[in-house]
Amino acid sequence: MEYDYRTERLHIHTATPEEVQNVLDFHERNKDYFEQYEAPRPEDYYTLLYQLKTLSAEAVSFTDNYFIRYYISPLEDTSSIIGTVSFKKYTHHDNSAMMLGYKIDHMMWRKGYAYEALSFLIPRIFLSGITYRLEALVAPDNQASIALLKKLGFSLLPEDNVVRSTQNGNVLHQLYFLES
């Protein structure tokens, strides 16, 4: 996988320490939207220092293909972060796979940015040989995310529901998968 890509409308890239303020701004802007689906955050999550440490860890993980996070910016304003896409290795049923994660700024929903970024990155992760299978966990009420995954060719694995700890307590998530 490369560090930097461009699509018709997007700049998809790994973030550098110089971009830490833009990363923090993205998280703060979307706190109320993302936290309802995610595990509770550490107290210092919304600080420059925490985000700088995260960017540093992401750079190390990228080189060993354990965890890859891309930040998404519109081509007309590459300093503004409007989303992320991540791939994380894990073992599921004794098979190696990668968990797919994605977030789009709530002000950019329903503009096709997630589909554009994912439809660009997914073939590249498969062609890279890093993984043969992607999985994604989605809350059953997150209809937009379910529609996106289905459009990308993911299938529901109904017997593999997972309970995840979120800000709103434990929430059942459904498992979707895509194989190369």
N, C-alpha and C. Protein backbone atom coordinates (compact mmCIF):
# COMPACT_ATOMS: atom_id res chain seq x y z
N MET A 1 0.85 -1.18 0.00
CA MET A 1 0.00 0.00 0.00
C MET A 1 0.90 1.25 0.00
N GLU A 2 0.42 2.24 -0.71
CA GLU A 2 1.13 3.51 -0.79
C GLU A 2 0.68 4.42 0.36
N TYR A 3 1.44 5.49 0.57
CA TYR A 3 1.11 6.46 1.62
C TYR A 3 0.11 7.51 1.13
N ASP A 4 -0.01 7.66 -0.17
CA ASP A 4 -0.74 8.79 -0.72
C ASP A 4 -1.43 8.39 -2.02
N TYR A 5 -2.72 8.71 -2.12
CA TYR A 5 -3.49 8.44 -3.33
C TYR A 5 -4.38 9.64 -3.64
N ARG A 6 -4.78 9.72 -4.89
CA ARG A 6 -5.76 10.72 -5.30
C ARG A 6 -6.82 10.03 -6.16
N THR A 7 -8.07 10.38 -5.90
CA THR A 7 -9.17 9.90 -6.72
C THR A 7 -9.74 11.12 -7.44
N GLU A 8 -10.89 10.95 -8.04
CA GLU A 8 -11.50 12.06 -8.77
C GLU A 8 -11.73 13.28 -7.88
N ARG A 9 -12.16 13.04 -6.62
CA ARG A 9 -12.48 14.16 -5.73
C ARG A 9 -11.69 14.18 -4.44
N LEU A 10 -10.90 13.11 -4.17
CA LEU A 10 -10.32 12.96 -2.83
C LEU A 10 -8.80 12.82 -2.83
N HIS A 11 -8.22 13.31 -1.76
CA HIS A 11 -6.83 13.03 -1.41
C HIS A 11 -6.89 12.05 -0.24
N ILE A 12 -6.37 10.84 -0.46
CA ILE A 12 -6.40 9.77 0.56
C ILE A 12 -4.96 9.54 0.96
N HIS A 13 -4.65 9.75 2.23
CA HIS A 13 -3.24 9.74 2.64
C HIS A 13 -3.06 9.37 4.11
N THR A 14 -1.86 8.96 4.44
CA THR A 14 -1.52 8.81 5.86
C THR A 14 -1.19 10.20 6.38
N ALA A 15 -1.47 10.44 7.63
CA ALA A 15 -1.26 11.77 8.19
C ALA A 15 0.12 11.88 8.82
N THR A 16 0.68 13.06 8.73
CA THR A 16 1.99 13.36 9.33
C THR A 16 1.77 14.13 10.62
N PRO A 17 2.79 14.20 11.48
CA PRO A 17 2.64 14.97 12.72
C PRO A 17 2.25 16.44 12.48
N GLU A 18 2.62 16.98 11.33
CA GLU A 18 2.27 18.36 11.02
C GLU A 18 0.77 18.55 10.85
N GLU A 19 0.04 17.48 10.63
CA GLU A 19 -1.40 17.54 10.42
C GLU A 19 -2.21 17.28 11.69
N VAL A 20 -1.54 17.21 12.83
CA VAL A 20 -2.21 16.80 14.06
C VAL A 20 -3.39 17.72 14.41
N GLN A 21 -3.28 19.00 14.16
CA GLN A 21 -4.39 19.91 14.48
C GLN A 21 -5.60 19.60 13.60
N ASN A 22 -5.37 19.29 12.33
CA ASN A 22 -6.47 18.93 11.43
C ASN A 22 -7.14 17.63 11.86
N VAL A 23 -6.34 16.67 12.33
CA VAL A 23 -6.87 15.40 12.83
C VAL A 23 -7.73 15.65 14.06
N LEU A 24 -7.21 16.44 14.99
CA LEU A 24 -7.97 16.76 16.20
C LEU A 24 -9.27 17.51 15.85
N ASP A 25 -9.20 18.44 14.93
CA ASP A 25 -10.39 19.19 14.52
C ASP A 25 -11.47 18.24 13.98
N PHE A 26 -11.04 17.28 13.16
CA PHE A 26 -11.98 16.29 12.60
C PHE A 26 -12.68 15.52 13.72
N HIS A 27 -11.91 15.03 14.69
CA HIS A 27 -12.50 14.26 15.79
C HIS A 27 -13.42 15.12 16.65
N GLU A 28 -13.00 16.34 16.96
CA GLU A 28 -13.84 17.21 17.79
C GLU A 28 -15.15 17.57 17.09
N ARG A 29 -15.08 17.85 15.80
CA ARG A 29 -16.25 18.22 15.01
C ARG A 29 -17.30 17.11 14.98
N ASN A 30 -16.85 15.87 15.10
CA ASN A 30 -17.72 14.72 14.92
C ASN A 30 -17.92 13.89 16.19
N LYS A 31 -17.48 14.42 17.29
CA LYS A 31 -17.54 13.70 18.57
C LYS A 31 -18.92 13.11 18.84
N ASP A 32 -19.96 13.91 18.73
CA ASP A 32 -21.31 13.44 19.05
C ASP A 32 -21.81 12.38 18.09
N TYR A 33 -21.31 12.38 16.89
CA TYR A 33 -21.76 11.43 15.87
C TYR A 33 -21.02 10.10 15.95
N PHE A 34 -19.72 10.15 16.21
CA PHE A 34 -18.92 8.93 16.22
C PHE A 34 -19.00 8.17 17.54
N GLU A 35 -19.03 8.89 18.65
CA GLU A 35 -18.94 8.23 19.95
C GLU A 35 -20.10 7.28 20.23
N GLN A 36 -21.24 7.49 19.64
CA GLN A 36 -22.38 6.60 19.90
C GLN A 36 -22.12 5.19 19.38
N TYR A 37 -21.16 5.04 18.44
CA TYR A 37 -20.86 3.73 17.86
C TYR A 37 -19.53 3.16 18.34
N GLU A 38 -18.78 3.91 19.13
CA GLU A 38 -17.42 3.51 19.49
C GLU A 38 -17.26 3.27 20.98
N ALA A 39 -16.16 2.59 21.29
CA ALA A 39 -15.82 2.35 22.69
C ALA A 39 -15.54 3.68 23.39
N PRO A 40 -15.76 3.73 24.70
CA PRO A 40 -15.46 4.96 25.43
C PRO A 40 -14.01 5.41 25.21
N ARG A 41 -13.82 6.69 25.10
CA ARG A 41 -12.51 7.29 24.83
C ARG A 41 -11.78 7.64 26.13
N PRO A 42 -10.44 7.60 26.10
CA PRO A 42 -9.69 8.08 27.27
C PRO A 42 -9.95 9.57 27.48
N GLU A 43 -9.77 10.03 28.69
CA GLU A 43 -10.04 11.43 29.02
C GLU A 43 -9.25 12.41 28.16
N ASP A 44 -8.04 12.04 27.79
CA ASP A 44 -7.18 12.95 27.02
C ASP A 44 -7.28 12.76 25.51
N TYR A 45 -8.28 12.01 25.04
CA TYR A 45 -8.41 11.70 23.62
C TYR A 45 -8.46 12.96 22.76
N TYR A 46 -9.19 13.96 23.20
CA TYR A 46 -9.36 15.19 22.43
C TYR A 46 -8.29 16.22 22.78
N THR A 47 -7.04 15.76 22.75
CA THR A 47 -5.90 16.66 22.96
C THR A 47 -4.90 16.46 21.83
N LEU A 48 -4.11 17.49 21.58
CA LEU A 48 -3.07 17.38 20.55
C LEU A 48 -2.06 16.30 20.89
N LEU A 49 -1.68 16.18 22.15
CA LEU A 49 -0.69 15.20 22.55
C LEU A 49 -1.19 13.77 22.27
N TYR A 50 -2.42 13.48 22.63
CA TYR A 50 -2.96 12.14 22.39
C TYR A 50 -2.99 11.84 20.89
N GLN A 51 -3.46 12.79 20.11
CA GLN A 51 -3.55 12.57 18.66
C GLN A 51 -2.15 12.46 18.03
N LEU A 52 -1.19 13.18 18.56
CA LEU A 52 0.18 13.08 18.06
C LEU A 52 0.75 11.68 18.34
N LYS A 53 0.49 11.16 19.53
CA LYS A 53 0.93 9.80 19.87
C LYS A 53 0.25 8.78 18.95
N THR A 54 -1.02 9.00 18.67
CA THR A 54 -1.76 8.10 17.78
C THR A 54 -1.16 8.12 16.38
N LEU A 55 -0.86 9.29 15.86
CA LEU A 55 -0.26 9.40 14.52
C LEU A 55 1.10 8.70 14.47
N SER A 56 1.85 8.81 15.54
CA SER A 56 3.15 8.15 15.61
C SER A 56 2.99 6.63 15.60
N ALA A 57 2.05 6.13 16.37
CA ALA A 57 1.78 4.69 16.41
C ALA A 57 1.26 4.20 15.05
N GLU A 58 0.42 5.00 14.39
CA GLU A 58 -0.09 4.63 13.08
C GLU A 58 1.04 4.51 12.06
N ALA A 59 2.04 5.39 12.14
CA ALA A 59 3.16 5.34 11.20
C ALA A 59 3.94 4.04 11.36
N VAL A 60 4.15 3.60 12.60
CA VAL A 60 4.85 2.34 12.85
C VAL A 60 4.02 1.16 12.36
N SER A 61 2.74 1.15 12.68
CA SER A 61 1.86 0.05 12.28
C SER A 61 1.69 -0.05 10.77
N PHE A 62 1.76 1.08 10.08
CA PHE A 62 1.64 1.08 8.62
C PHE A 62 2.78 0.30 7.99
N THR A 63 3.98 0.47 8.50
CA THR A 63 5.15 -0.18 7.90
C THR A 63 5.12 -1.69 8.05
N ASP A 64 4.46 -2.21 9.10
CA ASP A 64 4.39 -3.67 9.25
C ASP A 64 3.03 -4.24 8.82
N ASN A 65 2.21 -3.38 8.19
CA ASN A 65 0.89 -3.79 7.66
C ASN A 65 -0.04 -4.35 8.73
N TYR A 66 0.17 -3.98 9.99
CA TYR A 66 -0.71 -4.44 11.07
C TYR A 66 -1.97 -3.56 11.15
N PHE A 67 -1.75 -2.26 11.03
CA PHE A 67 -2.85 -1.31 11.09
C PHE A 67 -2.55 -0.20 10.10
N ILE A 68 -3.50 0.07 9.22
CA ILE A 68 -3.31 1.10 8.20
C ILE A 68 -4.49 2.07 8.31
N ARG A 69 -4.18 3.34 8.52
CA ARG A 69 -5.25 4.35 8.55
C ARG A 69 -4.94 5.42 7.51
N TYR A 70 -5.95 5.66 6.69
CA TYR A 70 -5.87 6.74 5.71
C TYR A 70 -6.82 7.85 6.14
N TYR A 71 -6.37 9.08 5.90
CA TYR A 71 -7.19 10.26 6.15
C TYR A 71 -7.67 10.76 4.80
N ILE A 72 -8.90 11.24 4.76
CA ILE A 72 -9.53 11.66 3.51
C ILE A 72 -9.73 13.17 3.54
N SER A 73 -9.31 13.81 2.46
CA SER A 73 -9.50 15.25 2.29
C SER A 73 -10.05 15.51 0.90
N PRO A 74 -10.86 16.55 0.75
CA PRO A 74 -11.30 16.91 -0.60
C PRO A 74 -10.11 17.51 -1.37
N LEU A 75 -10.03 17.24 -2.66
CA LEU A 75 -8.91 17.76 -3.45
C LEU A 75 -8.83 19.28 -3.41
N GLU A 76 -9.99 19.94 -3.31
CA GLU A 76 -9.97 21.41 -3.32
C GLU A 76 -9.48 22.01 -2.00
N ASP A 77 -9.37 21.19 -0.95
CA ASP A 77 -8.88 21.67 0.35
C ASP A 77 -8.19 20.52 1.08
N THR A 78 -6.99 20.19 0.67
CA THR A 78 -6.30 19.02 1.22
C THR A 78 -5.86 19.20 2.67
N SER A 79 -6.01 20.39 3.23
CA SER A 79 -5.69 20.58 4.65
C SER A 79 -6.86 20.20 5.55
N SER A 80 -8.04 20.04 4.98
CA SER A 80 -9.23 19.70 5.75
C SER A 80 -9.45 18.18 5.72
N ILE A 81 -9.56 17.57 6.88
CA ILE A 81 -9.82 16.13 6.96
C ILE A 81 -11.33 15.92 7.09
N ILE A 82 -11.88 15.11 6.16
CA ILE A 82 -13.33 14.86 6.18
C ILE A 82 -13.65 13.39 6.43
N GLY A 83 -12.62 12.57 6.68
CA GLY A 83 -12.90 11.17 6.95
C GLY A 83 -11.66 10.35 7.15
N THR A 84 -11.89 9.09 7.53
CA THR A 84 -10.80 8.12 7.68
C THR A 84 -11.28 6.75 7.18
N VAL A 85 -10.32 5.96 6.75
CA VAL A 85 -10.54 4.56 6.43
C VAL A 85 -9.40 3.80 7.09
N SER A 86 -9.73 2.72 7.79
CA SER A 86 -8.67 1.95 8.44
C SER A 86 -8.85 0.46 8.20
N PHE A 87 -7.72 -0.23 8.21
CA PHE A 87 -7.65 -1.68 8.07
C PHE A 87 -6.79 -2.20 9.21
N LYS A 88 -7.33 -3.14 10.00
CA LYS A 88 -6.59 -3.68 11.14
C LYS A 88 -6.58 -5.20 11.07
N LYS A 89 -5.38 -5.79 11.15
CA LYS A 89 -5.26 -7.24 11.12
C LYS A 89 -5.79 -7.84 12.42
N TYR A 90 -6.41 -8.99 12.29
CA TYR A 90 -6.84 -9.76 13.44
C TYR A 90 -7.13 -11.18 12.99
N THR A 91 -7.31 -12.06 13.94
CA THR A 91 -7.62 -13.45 13.63
C THR A 91 -9.06 -13.73 14.02
N HIS A 92 -9.80 -14.32 13.09
CA HIS A 92 -11.21 -14.63 13.32
C HIS A 92 -11.43 -16.06 12.85
N HIS A 93 -11.92 -16.91 13.73
CA HIS A 93 -12.13 -18.33 13.39
C HIS A 93 -10.85 -18.95 12.82
N ASP A 94 -9.72 -18.66 13.46
CA ASP A 94 -8.42 -19.20 13.05
C ASP A 94 -7.96 -18.75 11.67
N ASN A 95 -8.59 -17.74 11.10
CA ASN A 95 -8.19 -17.21 9.81
C ASN A 95 -7.75 -15.76 9.99
N SER A 96 -6.76 -15.37 9.24
CA SER A 96 -6.30 -13.99 9.25
C SER A 96 -7.21 -13.14 8.38
N ALA A 97 -7.61 -12.02 8.88
CA ALA A 97 -8.45 -11.08 8.14
C ALA A 97 -8.07 -9.68 8.56
N MET A 98 -8.73 -8.69 7.98
CA MET A 98 -8.56 -7.31 8.41
C MET A 98 -9.94 -6.73 8.68
N MET A 99 -10.03 -6.00 9.77
CA MET A 99 -11.26 -5.32 10.12
C MET A 99 -11.24 -3.95 9.44
N LEU A 100 -12.29 -3.65 8.74
CA LEU A 100 -12.43 -2.38 8.04
C LEU A 100 -13.16 -1.40 8.94
N GLY A 101 -12.66 -0.19 9.00
CA GLY A 101 -13.33 0.88 9.73
C GLY A 101 -13.35 2.13 8.86
N TYR A 102 -14.37 2.94 9.02
CA TYR A 102 -14.45 4.17 8.23
C TYR A 102 -15.32 5.17 8.97
N LYS A 103 -14.99 6.43 8.77
CA LYS A 103 -15.75 7.53 9.35
C LYS A 103 -15.76 8.66 8.34
N ILE A 104 -16.89 9.29 8.20
CA ILE A 104 -17.01 10.47 7.34
C ILE A 104 -17.61 11.59 8.18
N ASP A 105 -17.03 12.76 8.05
CA ASP A 105 -17.51 13.96 8.74
C ASP A 105 -19.03 14.08 8.54
N HIS A 106 -19.75 14.32 9.62
CA HIS A 106 -21.21 14.37 9.53
C HIS A 106 -21.71 15.43 8.55
N MET A 107 -20.93 16.47 8.31
CA MET A 107 -21.34 17.50 7.35
C MET A 107 -21.12 17.06 5.91
N MET A 108 -20.48 15.90 5.72
CA MET A 108 -20.18 15.39 4.37
C MET A 108 -20.94 14.10 4.04
N TRP A 109 -21.85 13.71 4.92
CA TRP A 109 -22.63 12.49 4.67
C TRP A 109 -23.44 12.62 3.40
N ARG A 110 -23.66 11.48 2.76
CA ARG A 110 -24.52 11.34 1.58
C ARG A 110 -24.01 12.09 0.35
N LYS A 111 -22.68 12.21 0.27
CA LYS A 111 -22.06 12.83 -0.91
C LYS A 111 -21.21 11.83 -1.68
N GLY A 112 -21.20 10.57 -1.21
CA GLY A 112 -20.47 9.53 -1.92
C GLY A 112 -18.99 9.45 -1.59
N TYR A 113 -18.54 10.19 -0.59
CA TYR A 113 -17.11 10.18 -0.26
C TYR A 113 -16.65 8.83 0.30
N ALA A 114 -17.44 8.23 1.16
CA ALA A 114 -17.06 6.93 1.73
C ALA A 114 -16.98 5.89 0.62
N TYR A 115 -17.97 5.86 -0.25
CA TYR A 115 -17.96 4.90 -1.35
C TYR A 115 -16.75 5.13 -2.26
N GLU A 116 -16.48 6.38 -2.59
CA GLU A 116 -15.34 6.69 -3.46
C GLU A 116 -14.03 6.22 -2.84
N ALA A 117 -13.82 6.51 -1.57
CA ALA A 117 -12.58 6.11 -0.90
C ALA A 117 -12.48 4.59 -0.76
N LEU A 118 -13.54 3.95 -0.32
CA LEU A 118 -13.51 2.51 -0.10
C LEU A 118 -13.41 1.73 -1.41
N SER A 119 -14.15 2.14 -2.42
CA SER A 119 -14.09 1.41 -3.69
C SER A 119 -12.72 1.58 -4.35
N PHE A 120 -11.99 2.61 -3.97
CA PHE A 120 -10.62 2.80 -4.45
C PHE A 120 -9.63 1.95 -3.65
N LEU A 121 -9.77 1.96 -2.32
CA LEU A 121 -8.78 1.29 -1.45
C LEU A 121 -8.96 -0.22 -1.36
N ILE A 122 -10.17 -0.72 -1.38
CA ILE A 122 -10.39 -2.15 -1.19
C ILE A 122 -9.67 -3.00 -2.24
N PRO A 123 -9.78 -2.70 -3.52
CA PRO A 123 -9.02 -3.53 -4.49
C PRO A 123 -7.51 -3.47 -4.24
N ARG A 124 -7.02 -2.32 -3.80
CA ARG A 124 -5.59 -2.17 -3.57
C ARG A 124 -5.12 -3.00 -2.37
N ILE A 125 -5.93 -3.09 -1.33
CA ILE A 125 -5.51 -3.89 -0.17
C ILE A 125 -5.51 -5.37 -0.55
N PHE A 126 -6.47 -5.80 -1.36
CA PHE A 126 -6.48 -7.19 -1.81
C PHE A 126 -5.30 -7.47 -2.75
N LEU A 127 -5.04 -6.58 -3.69
CA LEU A 127 -3.93 -6.78 -4.62
C LEU A 127 -2.56 -6.75 -3.93
N SER A 128 -2.49 -6.04 -2.81
CA SER A 128 -1.22 -5.95 -2.08
C SER A 128 -0.83 -7.29 -1.44
N GLY A 129 -1.80 -8.19 -1.26
CA GLY A 129 -1.53 -9.47 -0.63
C GLY A 129 -1.53 -9.41 0.89
N ILE A 130 -1.87 -8.28 1.46
CA ILE A 130 -1.87 -8.13 2.92
C ILE A 130 -2.97 -8.99 3.54
N THR A 131 -4.10 -9.08 2.86
CA THR A 131 -5.22 -9.87 3.37
C THR A 131 -6.05 -10.39 2.20
N TYR A 132 -6.82 -11.41 2.46
CA TYR A 132 -7.73 -11.94 1.45
C TYR A 132 -9.18 -11.68 1.86
N ARG A 133 -9.37 -11.18 3.11
CA ARG A 133 -10.73 -11.02 3.63
C ARG A 133 -10.82 -9.74 4.47
N LEU A 134 -11.88 -8.98 4.22
CA LEU A 134 -12.20 -7.81 5.03
C LEU A 134 -13.49 -8.08 5.78
N GLU A 135 -13.55 -7.59 7.01
CA GLU A 135 -14.76 -7.70 7.81
C GLU A 135 -15.08 -6.33 8.38
N ALA A 136 -16.35 -6.09 8.61
CA ALA A 136 -16.80 -4.82 9.19
C ALA A 136 -17.93 -5.09 10.16
N LEU A 137 -17.87 -4.46 11.31
CA LEU A 137 -18.94 -4.56 12.32
C LEU A 137 -19.82 -3.33 12.22
N VAL A 138 -21.14 -3.56 12.19
CA VAL A 138 -22.08 -2.46 12.02
C VAL A 138 -23.26 -2.65 12.95
N ALA A 139 -23.64 -1.58 13.62
CA ALA A 139 -24.86 -1.62 14.44
C ALA A 139 -26.05 -1.79 13.50
N PRO A 140 -27.00 -2.66 13.85
CA PRO A 140 -28.14 -2.94 12.95
C PRO A 140 -28.97 -1.70 12.60
N ASP A 141 -28.93 -0.67 13.42
CA ASP A 141 -29.70 0.53 13.12
C ASP A 141 -28.95 1.52 12.23
N ASN A 142 -27.71 1.21 11.91
CA ASN A 142 -26.90 2.10 11.06
C ASN A 142 -27.15 1.73 9.59
N GLN A 143 -28.32 2.10 9.11
CA GLN A 143 -28.76 1.71 7.77
C GLN A 143 -27.87 2.28 6.67
N ALA A 144 -27.33 3.47 6.85
CA ALA A 144 -26.46 4.06 5.83
C ALA A 144 -25.20 3.23 5.66
N SER A 145 -24.63 2.78 6.77
CA SER A 145 -23.41 1.98 6.70
C SER A 145 -23.70 0.60 6.10
N ILE A 146 -24.82 0.02 6.46
CA ILE A 146 -25.19 -1.28 5.90
C ILE A 146 -25.38 -1.17 4.38
N ALA A 147 -26.05 -0.12 3.93
CA ALA A 147 -26.25 0.09 2.49
C ALA A 147 -24.91 0.28 1.78
N LEU A 148 -24.00 1.01 2.40
CA LEU A 148 -22.67 1.22 1.80
C LEU A 148 -21.93 -0.11 1.65
N LEU A 149 -21.92 -0.91 2.70
CA LEU A 149 -21.23 -2.20 2.64
C LEU A 149 -21.83 -3.10 1.57
N LYS A 150 -23.14 -3.14 1.49
CA LYS A 150 -23.78 -3.97 0.46
C LYS A 150 -23.43 -3.48 -0.94
N LYS A 151 -23.40 -2.17 -1.13
CA LYS A 151 -23.03 -1.60 -2.43
C LYS A 151 -21.60 -1.98 -2.81
N LEU A 152 -20.74 -2.13 -1.80
CA LEU A 152 -19.35 -2.52 -2.03
C LEU A 152 -19.18 -4.03 -2.22
N GLY A 153 -20.27 -4.79 -2.03
CA GLY A 153 -20.21 -6.24 -2.24
C GLY A 153 -20.07 -7.06 -0.98
N PHE A 154 -20.14 -6.43 0.19
CA PHE A 154 -20.05 -7.17 1.45
C PHE A 154 -21.31 -7.98 1.68
N SER A 155 -21.17 -9.09 2.39
CA SER A 155 -22.31 -9.94 2.75
C SER A 155 -22.40 -10.05 4.27
N LEU A 156 -23.61 -10.18 4.76
CA LEU A 156 -23.86 -10.35 6.19
C LEU A 156 -23.52 -11.77 6.59
N LEU A 157 -22.87 -11.91 7.74
CA LEU A 157 -22.59 -13.21 8.33
C LEU A 157 -23.45 -13.28 9.59
N PRO A 158 -24.72 -13.70 9.47
CA PRO A 158 -25.68 -13.56 10.57
C PRO A 158 -25.32 -14.30 11.85
N GLU A 159 -24.57 -15.38 11.75
CA GLU A 159 -24.24 -16.14 12.96
C GLU A 159 -23.09 -15.51 13.75
N ASP A 160 -22.48 -14.46 13.23
CA ASP A 160 -21.34 -13.84 13.90
C ASP A 160 -21.63 -12.44 14.42
N ASN A 161 -22.72 -12.27 15.13
CA ASN A 161 -22.99 -11.00 15.78
C ASN A 161 -22.02 -10.80 16.93
N VAL A 162 -21.66 -9.55 17.19
CA VAL A 162 -20.70 -9.23 18.24
C VAL A 162 -21.28 -8.12 19.10
N VAL A 163 -21.12 -8.23 20.41
CA VAL A 163 -21.54 -7.15 21.31
C VAL A 163 -20.32 -6.28 21.56
N ARG A 164 -20.47 -4.98 21.27
CA ARG A 164 -19.37 -4.02 21.47
C ARG A 164 -19.75 -3.02 22.53
N SER A 165 -18.77 -2.65 23.31
CA SER A 165 -18.95 -1.62 24.32
C SER A 165 -18.90 -0.25 23.64
N THR A 166 -19.94 0.56 23.85
CA THR A 166 -19.99 1.91 23.28
C THR A 166 -20.31 2.90 24.39
N GLN A 167 -20.34 4.16 24.03
CA GLN A 167 -20.72 5.21 24.99
C GLN A 167 -22.13 4.97 25.53
N ASN A 168 -22.97 4.31 24.74
CA ASN A 168 -24.36 4.05 25.12
C ASN A 168 -24.56 2.67 25.74
N GLY A 169 -23.47 2.04 26.18
CA GLY A 169 -23.55 0.70 26.74
C GLY A 169 -23.20 -0.34 25.70
N ASN A 170 -23.50 -1.58 26.00
CA ASN A 170 -23.20 -2.67 25.07
C ASN A 170 -24.22 -2.69 23.94
N VAL A 171 -23.72 -2.74 22.70
CA VAL A 171 -24.58 -2.71 21.51
C VAL A 171 -24.21 -3.87 20.60
N LEU A 172 -25.23 -4.59 20.18
CA LEU A 172 -25.05 -5.69 19.24
C LEU A 172 -24.65 -5.13 17.87
N HIS A 173 -23.61 -5.70 17.27
CA HIS A 173 -23.17 -5.32 15.93
C HIS A 173 -23.21 -6.55 15.04
N GLN A 174 -23.56 -6.35 13.80
CA GLN A 174 -23.57 -7.42 12.82
C GLN A 174 -22.26 -7.43 12.06
N LEU A 175 -21.84 -8.62 11.65
CA LEU A 175 -20.57 -8.79 10.92
C LEU A 175 -20.85 -8.93 9.44
N TYR A 176 -20.20 -8.09 8.65
CA TYR A 176 -20.24 -8.15 7.20
C TYR A 176 -18.84 -8.51 6.72
N PHE A 177 -18.75 -9.24 5.60
CA PHE A 177 -17.43 -9.64 5.10
C PHE A 177 -17.37 -9.54 3.59
N LEU A 178 -16.13 -9.43 3.10
CA LEU A 178 -15.85 -9.40 1.67
C LEU A 178 -14.53 -10.13 1.46
N GLU A 179 -14.52 -11.07 0.53
CA GLU A 179 -13.29 -11.79 0.23
C GLU A 179 -12.79 -11.39 -1.14
N SER A 180 -11.47 -11.44 -1.30
CA SER A 180 -10.87 -11.05 -2.57
C SER A 180 -11.21 -11.99 -3.69
